[in-house]
């Protein structure tokens, strides 16, 4: 059994940990919102550049480039994991994506 002082100490520690967890959750939500906004900005820039590229290709009589792949937020989880192609027997040089 815990005496009253120890119980008070553990309760204070529990409340501090809960407050810290809530602060981290808030920070995670804030960072995700910032990243999502930036990804949407980059996607719009990508679409604008694709229009320019297609226009230039048409002027040169070249076929249009393949359609762009839109990046979904669900793709974020896959960005850091190696794909089947990148796990081949040929390692990439350091610094080369």
C-alpha atoms as a PDB file:
ATOM      1  CA  UNK A   1       0.000   0.000   0.000  1.00  0.00           C
ATOM      2  CA  UNK A   2       1.098   3.529  -0.703  1.00  0.00           C
ATOM      3  CA  UNK A   3       1.104   6.088   2.030  1.00  0.00           C
ATOM      4  CA  UNK A   4      -0.588   9.439   1.384  1.00  0.00           C
ATOM      5  CA  UNK A   5       2.642  11.249   0.461  1.00  0.00           C
ATOM      6  CA  UNK A   6       3.714   8.615  -2.068  1.00  0.00           C
ATOM      7  CA  UNK A   7       0.224   8.478  -3.530  1.00  0.00           C
ATOM      8  CA  UNK A   8       0.234  12.281  -3.968  1.00  0.00           C
ATOM      9  CA  UNK A   9       3.681  12.118  -5.587  1.00  0.00           C
ATOM     10  CA  UNK A  10       2.601   9.422  -8.060  1.00  0.00           C
ATOM     11  CA  UNK A  11      -0.611  11.284  -8.870  1.00  0.00           C
ATOM     12  CA  UNK A  12       1.391  14.453  -9.601  1.00  0.00           C
ATOM     13  CA  UNK A  13       3.744  12.444 -11.827  1.00  0.00           C
ATOM     14  CA  UNK A  14       0.759  10.882 -13.629  1.00  0.00           C
ATOM     15  CA  UNK A  15      -0.798  14.303 -14.279  1.00  0.00           C
ATOM     16  CA  UNK A  16       2.516  15.651 -15.590  1.00  0.00           C
ATOM     17  CA  UNK A  17       2.910  12.692 -17.947  1.00  0.00           C
ATOM     18  CA  UNK A  18      -0.660  13.113 -19.230  1.00  0.00           C
ATOM     19  CA  UNK A  19      -0.082  16.834 -19.852  1.00  0.00           C
ATOM     20  CA  UNK A  20       3.183  16.063 -21.678  1.00  0.00           C
ATOM     21  CA  UNK A  21       1.439  13.485 -23.868  1.00  0.00           C
ATOM     22  CA  UNK A  22      -1.281  15.976 -24.741  1.00  0.00           C
ATOM     23  CA  UNK A  23       1.323  18.617 -25.642  1.00  0.00           C
ATOM     24  CA  UNK A  24       3.122  16.149 -27.919  1.00  0.00           C
ATOM     25  CA  UNK A  25      -0.166  15.187 -29.600  1.00  0.00           C
ATOM     26  CA  UNK A  26      -0.875  18.877 -30.230  1.00  0.00           C
ATOM     27  CA  UNK A  27       2.598  19.376 -31.694  1.00  0.00           C
ATOM     28  CA  UNK A  28       2.202  16.336 -33.950  1.00  0.00           C
ATOM     29  CA  UNK A  29      -1.139  17.646 -35.231  1.00  0.00           C
ATOM     30  CA  UNK A  30       0.393  21.066 -35.885  1.00  0.00           C
ATOM     31  CA  UNK A  31       3.356  19.616 -37.789  1.00  0.00           C
ATOM     32  CA  UNK A  32       1.106  17.362 -39.862  1.00  0.00           C
ATOM     33  CA  UNK A  33      -1.047  20.342 -40.840  1.00  0.00           C
ATOM     34  CA  UNK A  34       2.055  22.324 -41.842  1.00  0.00           C
ATOM     35  CA  UNK A  35       3.429  19.431 -43.888  1.00  0.00           C
ATOM     36  CA  UNK A  36       0.087  18.810 -45.592  1.00  0.00           C
ATOM     37  CA  UNK A  37      -0.117  22.471 -46.599  1.00  0.00           C
ATOM     38  CA  UNK A  38       3.413  22.399 -48.035  1.00  0.00           C
ATOM     39  CA  UNK A  39       2.739  19.164 -49.926  1.00  0.00           C
ATOM     40  CA  UNK A  40      -0.347  20.706 -51.505  1.00  0.00           C
ATOM     41  CA  UNK A  41       1.703  23.770 -52.537  1.00  0.00           C
ATOM     42  CA  UNK A  42       4.349  21.545 -54.120  1.00  0.00           C
ATOM     43  CA  UNK A  43       1.688  19.491 -55.902  1.00  0.00           C
ATOM     44  CA  UNK A  44       0.248  22.669 -57.448  1.00  0.00           C
ATOM     45  CA  UNK A  45       3.724  23.756 -58.585  1.00  0.00           C
ATOM     46  CA  UNK A  46       4.235  20.316 -60.096  1.00  0.00           C
ATOM     47  CA  UNK A  47       0.963  20.553 -62.029  1.00  0.00           C
ATOM     48  CA  UNK A  48       1.883  23.995 -63.373  1.00  0.00           C
ATOM     49  CA  UNK A  49       5.274  22.759 -64.536  1.00  0.00           C
ATOM     50  CA  UNK A  50       3.642  19.727 -66.174  1.00  0.00           C
ATOM     51  CA  UNK A  51       1.417  22.072 -68.182  1.00  0.00           C
ATOM     52  CA  UNK A  52       4.489  23.990 -69.343  1.00  0.00           C
ATOM     53  CA  UNK A  53       6.293  20.756 -70.230  1.00  0.00           C
ATOM     54  CA  UNK A  54       3.313  19.468 -72.203  1.00  0.00           C
ATOM     55  CA  UNK A  55       3.023  22.776 -74.049  1.00  0.00           C
ATOM     56  CA  UNK A  56       6.698  22.769 -74.987  1.00  0.00           C
ATOM     57  CA  UNK A  57       6.524  19.130 -76.062  1.00  0.00           C
ATOM     58  CA  UNK A  58       3.519  19.915 -78.283  1.00  0.00           C
ATOM     59  CA  UNK A  59       5.413  22.820 -79.913  1.00  0.00           C
ATOM     60  CA  UNK A  60       8.341  20.507 -80.603  1.00  0.00           C
ATOM     61  CA  UNK A  61       6.045  17.832 -82.008  1.00  0.00           C
ATOM     62  CA  UNK A  62       6.877  15.423 -79.207  1.00  0.00           C
ATOM     63  CA  UNK A  63       4.345  13.230 -77.449  1.00  0.00           C
ATOM     64  CA  UNK A  64       3.155  14.485 -74.068  1.00  0.00           C
ATOM     65  CA  UNK A  65       4.855  13.167 -70.978  1.00  0.00           C
ATOM     66  CA  UNK A  66       3.080  10.504 -68.950  1.00  0.00           C
ATOM     67  CA  UNK A  67       0.536  11.841 -66.465  1.00  0.00           C
ATOM     68  CA  UNK A  68       1.795  12.980 -63.090  1.00  0.00           C
ATOM     69  CA  UNK A  69       1.384  10.786 -60.083  1.00  0.00           C
ATOM     70  CA  UNK A  70      -0.360  12.740 -57.363  1.00  0.00           C
ATOM     71  CA  UNK A  71       1.149  12.277 -53.943  1.00  0.00           C
ATOM     72  CA  UNK A  72      -1.429  11.230 -51.390  1.00  0.00           C
ATOM     73  CA  UNK A  73      -0.853  11.587 -47.684  1.00  0.00           C
ATOM     74  CA  UNK A  74      -1.161   7.811 -47.465  1.00  0.00           C
ATOM     75  CA  UNK A  75       1.992   7.640 -49.609  1.00  0.00           C
ATOM     76  CA  UNK A  76       3.969   9.301 -46.811  1.00  0.00           C
ATOM     77  CA  UNK A  77       4.225   6.057 -44.915  1.00  0.00           C
ATOM     78  CA  UNK A  78       5.804   4.408 -47.915  1.00  0.00           C
ATOM     79  CA  UNK A  79       8.342   7.147 -48.651  1.00  0.00           C
ATOM     80  CA  UNK A  80      10.828   5.973 -46.046  1.00  0.00           C
ATOM     81  CA  UNK A  81      10.544   2.256 -46.766  1.00  0.00           C
ATOM     82  CA  UNK A  82      12.674   0.603 -49.418  1.00  0.00           C
ATOM     83  CA  UNK A  83      10.840  -0.626 -52.480  1.00  0.00           C
ATOM     84  CA  UNK A  84      11.532  -3.900 -54.261  1.00  0.00           C
ATOM     85  CA  UNK A  85      13.592  -2.045 -56.870  1.00  0.00           C
ATOM     86  CA  UNK A  86      15.784  -0.270 -54.324  1.00  0.00           C
ATOM     87  CA  UNK A  87      16.495  -3.460 -52.409  1.00  0.00           C
ATOM     88  CA  UNK A  88      18.344  -4.994 -55.344  1.00  0.00           C
ATOM     89  CA  UNK A  89      21.856  -6.369 -55.044  1.00  0.00           C
ATOM     90  CA  UNK A  90      23.296  -3.052 -56.273  1.00  0.00           C
ATOM     91  CA  UNK A  91      23.473  -0.570 -53.422  1.00  0.00           C
ATOM     92  CA  UNK A  92      23.102   3.091 -54.234  1.00  0.00           C
ATOM     93  CA  UNK A  93      26.093   5.375 -53.793  1.00  0.00           C
ATOM     94  CA  UNK A  94      26.023   7.486 -50.668  1.00  0.00           C
ATOM     95  CA  UNK A  95      24.134  10.737 -51.237  1.00  0.00           C
ATOM     96  CA  UNK A  96      22.244   9.485 -54.305  1.00  0.00           C
ATOM     97  CA  UNK A  97      18.488   9.174 -53.794  1.00  0.00           C
END
